[in-house]
N, C-alpha and C. Protein backbone atom coordinates (compact mmCIF):
# COMPACT_ATOMS: atom_id res chain seq x y z
N MET A 1 56.38 -79.66 -27.35
CA MET A 1 56.86 -78.37 -26.89
C MET A 1 55.69 -77.61 -26.26
N ASN A 2 55.87 -77.11 -25.06
CA ASN A 2 54.80 -76.38 -24.41
C ASN A 2 54.80 -74.91 -24.84
N ASP A 3 53.78 -74.18 -24.41
CA ASP A 3 53.63 -72.78 -24.83
C ASP A 3 54.80 -71.91 -24.37
N ALA A 4 55.30 -72.14 -23.17
CA ALA A 4 56.44 -71.34 -22.67
C ALA A 4 57.67 -71.56 -23.53
N GLN A 5 57.90 -72.79 -23.97
CA GLN A 5 59.06 -73.07 -24.84
C GLN A 5 58.89 -72.40 -26.19
N LYS A 6 57.65 -72.38 -26.72
CA LYS A 6 57.40 -71.72 -28.00
C LYS A 6 57.69 -70.23 -27.90
N VAL A 7 57.25 -69.61 -26.80
CA VAL A 7 57.52 -68.19 -26.60
C VAL A 7 59.02 -67.95 -26.48
N ASP A 8 59.71 -68.78 -25.73
CA ASP A 8 61.16 -68.65 -25.58
C ASP A 8 61.86 -68.80 -26.92
N ASP A 9 61.44 -69.77 -27.74
CA ASP A 9 62.02 -69.96 -29.07
C ASP A 9 61.80 -68.74 -29.96
N ARG A 10 60.57 -68.21 -29.94
CA ARG A 10 60.27 -67.00 -30.74
C ARG A 10 61.13 -65.83 -30.26
N TYR A 11 61.27 -65.70 -28.95
CA TYR A 11 62.08 -64.60 -28.42
C TYR A 11 63.54 -64.76 -28.85
N GLU A 12 64.08 -65.96 -28.76
CA GLU A 12 65.48 -66.18 -29.14
C GLU A 12 65.69 -65.90 -30.63
N ARG A 13 64.77 -66.37 -31.48
CA ARG A 13 64.86 -66.06 -32.92
C ARG A 13 64.77 -64.56 -33.14
N GLY A 14 63.80 -63.94 -32.45
CA GLY A 14 63.61 -62.51 -32.59
C GLY A 14 64.80 -61.71 -32.11
N ALA A 15 65.39 -62.14 -31.00
CA ALA A 15 66.56 -61.43 -30.45
C ALA A 15 67.73 -61.51 -31.42
N ALA A 16 67.91 -62.65 -32.07
CA ALA A 16 69.00 -62.79 -33.04
C ALA A 16 68.79 -61.86 -34.24
N ILE A 17 67.57 -61.80 -34.73
CA ILE A 17 67.26 -60.92 -35.87
C ILE A 17 67.39 -59.45 -35.45
N ALA A 18 66.85 -59.11 -34.29
CA ALA A 18 66.93 -57.73 -33.81
C ALA A 18 68.38 -57.32 -33.59
N ALA A 19 69.22 -58.24 -33.13
CA ALA A 19 70.64 -57.93 -32.95
C ALA A 19 71.31 -57.65 -34.29
N THR A 20 70.95 -58.41 -35.32
CA THR A 20 71.49 -58.18 -36.66
C THR A 20 71.09 -56.80 -37.17
N LEU A 21 69.82 -56.48 -37.01
CA LEU A 21 69.31 -55.21 -37.52
C LEU A 21 69.83 -54.01 -36.75
N SER A 22 70.08 -54.18 -35.47
CA SER A 22 70.48 -53.05 -34.63
C SER A 22 71.98 -52.96 -34.41
N GLY A 23 72.72 -53.85 -35.01
CA GLY A 23 74.16 -53.86 -34.76
C GLY A 23 74.47 -54.29 -33.33
N GLY A 24 73.60 -55.13 -32.77
CA GLY A 24 73.81 -55.65 -31.43
C GLY A 24 73.27 -54.77 -30.32
N ARG A 25 72.52 -53.72 -30.69
CA ARG A 25 72.05 -52.76 -29.68
C ARG A 25 70.54 -52.76 -29.49
N PHE A 26 69.86 -53.85 -29.82
CA PHE A 26 68.40 -53.85 -29.75
C PHE A 26 67.88 -53.70 -28.32
N GLU A 27 68.63 -54.14 -27.35
CA GLU A 27 68.16 -54.06 -25.97
C GLU A 27 68.03 -52.61 -25.51
N GLY A 28 68.78 -51.71 -26.13
CA GLY A 28 68.62 -50.30 -25.80
C GLY A 28 67.25 -49.79 -26.18
N VAL A 29 66.69 -50.34 -27.26
CA VAL A 29 65.38 -49.93 -27.73
C VAL A 29 64.29 -50.43 -26.77
N THR A 30 64.42 -51.66 -26.32
CA THR A 30 63.37 -52.22 -25.46
C THR A 30 63.69 -52.08 -23.97
N GLY A 31 64.88 -51.64 -23.63
CA GLY A 31 65.30 -51.58 -22.22
C GLY A 31 64.41 -50.73 -21.34
N VAL A 32 64.01 -49.57 -21.81
CA VAL A 32 63.17 -48.69 -21.01
C VAL A 32 61.82 -49.35 -20.77
N VAL A 33 61.29 -49.96 -21.81
CA VAL A 33 60.01 -50.65 -21.68
C VAL A 33 60.16 -51.84 -20.74
N ALA A 34 61.25 -52.59 -20.87
CA ALA A 34 61.48 -53.78 -20.05
C ALA A 34 61.57 -53.44 -18.57
N SER A 35 62.07 -52.27 -18.25
CA SER A 35 62.19 -51.90 -16.83
C SER A 35 60.82 -51.71 -16.19
N LEU A 36 59.82 -51.38 -16.98
CA LEU A 36 58.48 -51.17 -16.47
C LEU A 36 57.55 -52.35 -16.74
N VAL A 37 57.62 -52.89 -17.97
CA VAL A 37 56.72 -53.96 -18.39
C VAL A 37 57.54 -55.02 -19.15
N PRO A 38 58.26 -55.88 -18.43
CA PRO A 38 59.15 -56.84 -19.09
C PRO A 38 58.44 -57.78 -20.07
N ASP A 39 57.22 -58.18 -19.76
CA ASP A 39 56.51 -59.08 -20.68
C ASP A 39 56.24 -58.39 -22.02
N PHE A 40 55.90 -57.11 -21.99
CA PHE A 40 55.64 -56.39 -23.23
C PHE A 40 56.93 -56.23 -24.04
N ALA A 41 58.03 -55.98 -23.37
CA ALA A 41 59.32 -55.87 -24.06
C ALA A 41 59.66 -57.18 -24.76
N ARG A 42 59.42 -58.31 -24.10
CA ARG A 42 59.68 -59.62 -24.71
C ARG A 42 58.77 -59.81 -25.92
N MET A 43 57.49 -59.42 -25.81
CA MET A 43 56.56 -59.54 -26.93
C MET A 43 57.02 -58.70 -28.11
N THR A 44 57.59 -57.53 -27.81
CA THR A 44 58.06 -56.62 -28.85
C THR A 44 59.17 -57.25 -29.68
N ILE A 45 59.91 -58.15 -29.09
CA ILE A 45 60.96 -58.88 -29.82
C ILE A 45 60.42 -60.17 -30.39
N ALA A 46 59.65 -60.91 -29.62
CA ALA A 46 59.19 -62.25 -30.02
C ALA A 46 58.25 -62.21 -31.22
N PHE A 47 57.26 -61.33 -31.22
CA PHE A 47 56.31 -61.37 -32.32
C PHE A 47 56.84 -60.77 -33.61
N PRO A 48 57.15 -59.45 -33.63
CA PRO A 48 57.53 -58.92 -34.95
C PRO A 48 58.81 -59.54 -35.50
N PHE A 49 59.79 -59.75 -34.65
CA PHE A 49 61.07 -60.24 -35.16
C PHE A 49 61.11 -61.76 -35.18
N GLY A 50 60.66 -62.42 -34.13
CA GLY A 50 60.70 -63.88 -34.06
C GLY A 50 59.70 -64.55 -34.96
N GLU A 51 58.56 -63.92 -35.16
CA GLU A 51 57.52 -64.50 -36.01
C GLU A 51 57.56 -63.94 -37.44
N LEU A 52 57.39 -62.63 -37.57
CA LEU A 52 57.25 -62.04 -38.91
C LEU A 52 58.58 -61.89 -39.64
N TYR A 53 59.56 -61.26 -39.02
CA TYR A 53 60.84 -61.03 -39.70
C TYR A 53 61.55 -62.34 -40.02
N GLY A 54 61.27 -63.39 -39.28
CA GLY A 54 61.93 -64.67 -39.51
C GLY A 54 61.32 -65.50 -40.63
N ARG A 55 60.22 -65.06 -41.19
CA ARG A 55 59.59 -65.82 -42.28
C ARG A 55 60.46 -65.74 -43.53
N PRO A 56 60.56 -66.85 -44.26
CA PRO A 56 61.48 -66.88 -45.40
C PRO A 56 60.96 -66.20 -46.67
N GLN A 57 59.71 -65.80 -46.70
CA GLN A 57 59.13 -65.25 -47.93
C GLN A 57 59.68 -63.89 -48.33
N ALA A 58 60.27 -63.18 -47.40
CA ALA A 58 60.89 -61.89 -47.71
C ALA A 58 62.12 -61.73 -46.82
N GLY A 59 63.16 -61.16 -47.38
CA GLY A 59 64.40 -60.98 -46.63
C GLY A 59 64.37 -59.74 -45.76
N LEU A 60 65.41 -59.58 -44.97
CA LEU A 60 65.49 -58.44 -44.06
C LEU A 60 65.50 -57.11 -44.81
N ARG A 61 66.17 -57.06 -45.95
CA ARG A 61 66.22 -55.82 -46.73
C ARG A 61 64.82 -55.39 -47.14
N THR A 62 64.05 -56.31 -47.68
CA THR A 62 62.68 -56.02 -48.11
C THR A 62 61.82 -55.62 -46.93
N ARG A 63 61.97 -56.32 -45.83
CA ARG A 63 61.17 -56.01 -44.63
C ARG A 63 61.51 -54.63 -44.08
N GLU A 64 62.77 -54.24 -44.15
CA GLU A 64 63.15 -52.91 -43.67
C GLU A 64 62.61 -51.82 -44.59
N ILE A 65 62.58 -52.06 -45.89
CA ILE A 65 61.99 -51.09 -46.81
C ILE A 65 60.51 -50.89 -46.46
N ALA A 66 59.80 -51.99 -46.21
CA ALA A 66 58.39 -51.89 -45.84
C ALA A 66 58.22 -51.16 -44.51
N ALA A 67 59.07 -51.46 -43.54
CA ALA A 67 58.98 -50.80 -42.23
C ALA A 67 59.23 -49.31 -42.35
N ILE A 68 60.24 -48.93 -43.13
CA ILE A 68 60.56 -47.51 -43.31
C ILE A 68 59.37 -46.78 -43.94
N ALA A 69 58.79 -47.36 -44.98
CA ALA A 69 57.66 -46.72 -45.64
C ALA A 69 56.46 -46.59 -44.70
N ALA A 70 56.16 -47.65 -43.97
CA ALA A 70 55.00 -47.62 -43.07
C ALA A 70 55.20 -46.64 -41.93
N LEU A 71 56.36 -46.65 -41.33
CA LEU A 71 56.63 -45.76 -40.20
C LEU A 71 56.65 -44.30 -40.64
N ALA A 72 57.22 -44.04 -41.81
CA ALA A 72 57.21 -42.66 -42.32
C ALA A 72 55.78 -42.21 -42.60
N ALA A 73 54.96 -43.09 -43.16
CA ALA A 73 53.57 -42.74 -43.47
C ALA A 73 52.76 -42.48 -42.20
N LEU A 74 53.07 -43.19 -41.13
CA LEU A 74 52.36 -42.94 -39.88
C LEU A 74 52.54 -41.49 -39.43
N GLY A 75 53.76 -41.01 -39.56
CA GLY A 75 54.04 -39.64 -39.17
C GLY A 75 54.13 -39.42 -37.67
N THR A 76 54.00 -40.47 -36.88
CA THR A 76 54.00 -40.34 -35.42
C THR A 76 55.01 -41.27 -34.76
N ALA A 77 55.91 -41.83 -35.53
CA ALA A 77 56.80 -42.86 -34.99
C ALA A 77 58.26 -42.58 -35.32
N LEU A 78 58.69 -41.34 -35.11
CA LEU A 78 60.06 -40.97 -35.48
C LEU A 78 61.12 -41.83 -34.79
N PRO A 79 61.03 -42.12 -33.50
CA PRO A 79 62.08 -42.97 -32.91
C PRO A 79 62.18 -44.34 -33.58
N GLN A 80 61.03 -44.95 -33.88
CA GLN A 80 61.03 -46.25 -34.53
C GLN A 80 61.50 -46.13 -35.98
N LEU A 81 61.13 -45.04 -36.66
CA LEU A 81 61.60 -44.81 -38.02
C LEU A 81 63.12 -44.73 -38.05
N ARG A 82 63.70 -44.01 -37.13
CA ARG A 82 65.16 -43.89 -37.07
C ARG A 82 65.83 -45.26 -36.87
N VAL A 83 65.25 -46.07 -36.00
CA VAL A 83 65.79 -47.41 -35.77
C VAL A 83 65.76 -48.21 -37.07
N HIS A 84 64.66 -48.12 -37.81
CA HIS A 84 64.53 -48.92 -39.03
C HIS A 84 65.32 -48.33 -40.20
N VAL A 85 65.52 -47.03 -40.24
CA VAL A 85 66.41 -46.45 -41.26
C VAL A 85 67.84 -46.96 -41.01
N ALA A 86 68.28 -46.92 -39.78
CA ALA A 86 69.62 -47.44 -39.45
C ALA A 86 69.71 -48.93 -39.77
N ALA A 87 68.68 -49.68 -39.45
CA ALA A 87 68.67 -51.12 -39.75
C ALA A 87 68.69 -51.34 -41.26
N GLY A 88 67.93 -50.54 -42.00
CA GLY A 88 67.92 -50.67 -43.46
C GLY A 88 69.31 -50.45 -44.05
N LEU A 89 69.99 -49.43 -43.56
CA LEU A 89 71.36 -49.19 -44.02
C LEU A 89 72.26 -50.40 -43.71
N ARG A 90 72.05 -51.01 -42.55
CA ARG A 90 72.86 -52.17 -42.15
C ARG A 90 72.64 -53.38 -43.04
N VAL A 91 71.42 -53.54 -43.55
CA VAL A 91 71.12 -54.74 -44.36
C VAL A 91 71.12 -54.45 -45.86
N GLY A 92 71.72 -53.33 -46.25
CA GLY A 92 71.96 -53.11 -47.67
C GLY A 92 71.01 -52.19 -48.41
N VAL A 93 70.10 -51.53 -47.72
CA VAL A 93 69.27 -50.53 -48.40
C VAL A 93 70.15 -49.29 -48.55
N GLU A 94 70.27 -48.82 -49.77
CA GLU A 94 71.14 -47.68 -50.05
C GLU A 94 70.52 -46.39 -49.50
N ARG A 95 71.38 -45.50 -49.08
CA ARG A 95 70.96 -44.20 -48.54
C ARG A 95 70.00 -43.50 -49.50
N GLN A 96 70.33 -43.45 -50.79
CA GLN A 96 69.48 -42.77 -51.76
C GLN A 96 68.14 -43.49 -51.93
N GLU A 97 68.11 -44.80 -51.80
CA GLU A 97 66.84 -45.53 -51.86
C GLU A 97 65.93 -45.11 -50.71
N ILE A 98 66.50 -44.99 -49.52
CA ILE A 98 65.70 -44.59 -48.36
C ILE A 98 65.17 -43.18 -48.56
N ILE A 99 65.98 -42.29 -49.08
CA ILE A 99 65.53 -40.92 -49.35
C ILE A 99 64.35 -40.96 -50.33
N GLU A 100 64.45 -41.77 -51.37
CA GLU A 100 63.35 -41.89 -52.35
C GLU A 100 62.10 -42.47 -51.70
N ILE A 101 62.26 -43.45 -50.83
CA ILE A 101 61.12 -44.03 -50.11
C ILE A 101 60.44 -42.95 -49.28
N LEU A 102 61.23 -42.17 -48.56
CA LEU A 102 60.67 -41.11 -47.73
C LEU A 102 59.98 -40.04 -48.57
N MET A 103 60.55 -39.71 -49.72
CA MET A 103 59.91 -38.76 -50.62
C MET A 103 58.58 -39.32 -51.14
N GLN A 104 58.57 -40.60 -51.48
CA GLN A 104 57.37 -41.27 -51.99
C GLN A 104 56.23 -41.21 -50.97
N THR A 105 56.58 -41.15 -49.72
CA THR A 105 55.59 -41.07 -48.65
C THR A 105 54.67 -39.87 -48.84
N ALA A 106 55.17 -38.81 -49.43
CA ALA A 106 54.37 -37.59 -49.64
C ALA A 106 53.11 -37.88 -50.45
N ILE A 107 53.21 -38.80 -51.40
CA ILE A 107 52.05 -39.10 -52.26
C ILE A 107 50.93 -39.74 -51.45
N PHE A 108 51.28 -40.65 -50.58
CA PHE A 108 50.27 -41.45 -49.90
C PHE A 108 49.94 -40.98 -48.49
N ALA A 109 50.85 -40.26 -47.84
CA ALA A 109 50.62 -39.84 -46.47
C ALA A 109 50.68 -38.32 -46.30
N GLY A 110 51.06 -37.62 -47.35
CA GLY A 110 51.10 -36.16 -47.30
C GLY A 110 52.52 -35.62 -47.12
N PHE A 111 52.69 -34.40 -47.57
CA PHE A 111 53.99 -33.75 -47.49
C PHE A 111 54.48 -33.58 -46.05
N PRO A 112 53.61 -33.25 -45.09
CA PRO A 112 54.13 -33.11 -43.72
C PRO A 112 54.78 -34.40 -43.21
N ALA A 113 54.17 -35.54 -43.47
CA ALA A 113 54.76 -36.82 -43.02
C ALA A 113 56.11 -37.05 -43.68
N ALA A 114 56.18 -36.78 -44.99
CA ALA A 114 57.44 -36.98 -45.71
C ALA A 114 58.51 -36.00 -45.23
N LEU A 115 58.15 -34.74 -45.09
CA LEU A 115 59.11 -33.73 -44.62
C LEU A 115 59.62 -34.07 -43.22
N ASN A 116 58.72 -34.47 -42.34
CA ASN A 116 59.13 -34.82 -40.98
C ASN A 116 60.03 -36.05 -40.97
N ALA A 117 59.74 -37.03 -41.80
CA ALA A 117 60.57 -38.24 -41.86
C ALA A 117 61.97 -37.90 -42.37
N ILE A 118 62.04 -37.11 -43.42
CA ILE A 118 63.35 -36.73 -43.97
C ILE A 118 64.14 -35.90 -42.96
N ALA A 119 63.49 -34.91 -42.38
CA ALA A 119 64.18 -34.06 -41.40
C ALA A 119 64.60 -34.87 -40.18
N GLY A 120 63.74 -35.77 -39.73
CA GLY A 120 64.02 -36.56 -38.54
C GLY A 120 65.13 -37.58 -38.72
N CYS A 121 65.41 -37.94 -39.96
CA CYS A 121 66.47 -38.91 -40.25
C CYS A 121 67.65 -38.29 -40.97
N HIS A 122 67.67 -36.98 -41.05
CA HIS A 122 68.70 -36.26 -41.80
C HIS A 122 70.10 -36.72 -41.44
N ASP A 123 70.40 -36.80 -40.15
CA ASP A 123 71.75 -37.17 -39.73
C ASP A 123 72.13 -38.58 -40.17
N LEU A 124 71.16 -39.47 -40.28
CA LEU A 124 71.44 -40.85 -40.72
C LEU A 124 71.65 -40.94 -42.22
N LEU A 125 71.07 -39.99 -42.95
CA LEU A 125 71.06 -40.08 -44.41
C LEU A 125 71.95 -39.07 -45.12
N ALA A 126 72.54 -38.15 -44.38
CA ALA A 126 73.38 -37.13 -45.00
C ALA A 126 74.59 -37.76 -45.67
N ASP A 127 75.03 -37.16 -46.77
CA ASP A 127 76.22 -37.64 -47.49
C ASP A 127 77.44 -37.76 -46.60
N ASN A 128 77.54 -36.87 -45.64
CA ASN A 128 78.73 -36.84 -44.80
C ASN A 128 78.59 -37.70 -43.55
N HIS A 129 77.54 -38.54 -43.50
CA HIS A 129 77.37 -39.42 -42.34
C HIS A 129 78.60 -40.33 -42.26
N ALA A 130 79.25 -40.32 -41.13
CA ALA A 130 80.55 -40.99 -40.97
C ALA A 130 80.52 -42.46 -41.32
N SER A 131 79.43 -43.14 -41.01
CA SER A 131 79.41 -44.58 -41.28
C SER A 131 78.02 -44.99 -41.74
N ALA A 132 77.59 -44.43 -42.86
CA ALA A 132 76.23 -44.69 -43.36
C ALA A 132 75.98 -46.17 -43.58
N SER A 133 77.01 -46.93 -43.92
CA SER A 133 76.80 -48.36 -44.14
C SER A 133 76.79 -49.14 -42.83
N ASN A 134 77.20 -48.51 -41.75
CA ASN A 134 77.22 -49.19 -40.45
C ASN A 134 76.92 -48.18 -39.34
N PRO A 135 75.65 -47.65 -39.33
CA PRO A 135 75.30 -46.62 -38.35
C PRO A 135 75.28 -47.17 -36.94
C-alpha cells in the first residue's frame, strides 16, 4: 500500500467516525476550511478521527468525554466544544454528566473557562432541549 492509499484509508475511516459523531453533518464543520485549504480539511478528518478515534483502546463515549474536558479547559474553542458536546450526547454521554464535566473544568482551568463553556453550550444542555439525545 502506498502513502496515498494510507491517507485515503485514514480519511475514509475518519469520515465514517466523524459522520457517526456528527449525525452525518461533519462536512459542515470542515466545509469552510475545505473551500480554502482542502488538504488541511482532509487532515482534520484523517488524523484525529481516522487515526486516534479509531483506536480500540477507548470507545467513542470516552473519547468525547476527554474532548469535552480538554476543549472546555482551553477556553478558546467554543465552536469545537459545541460540536463535541453534541457528539457526546449522540454517543451516550448523559446531559448531567457533561454539565458535571464542565463544572469540573473550574478546578483545573478556572471559573471563567467553566462559566464560558456552560453558557456557550446552554442550549445543547438545557432540560427543555428538544432532542438532547439526538442534537
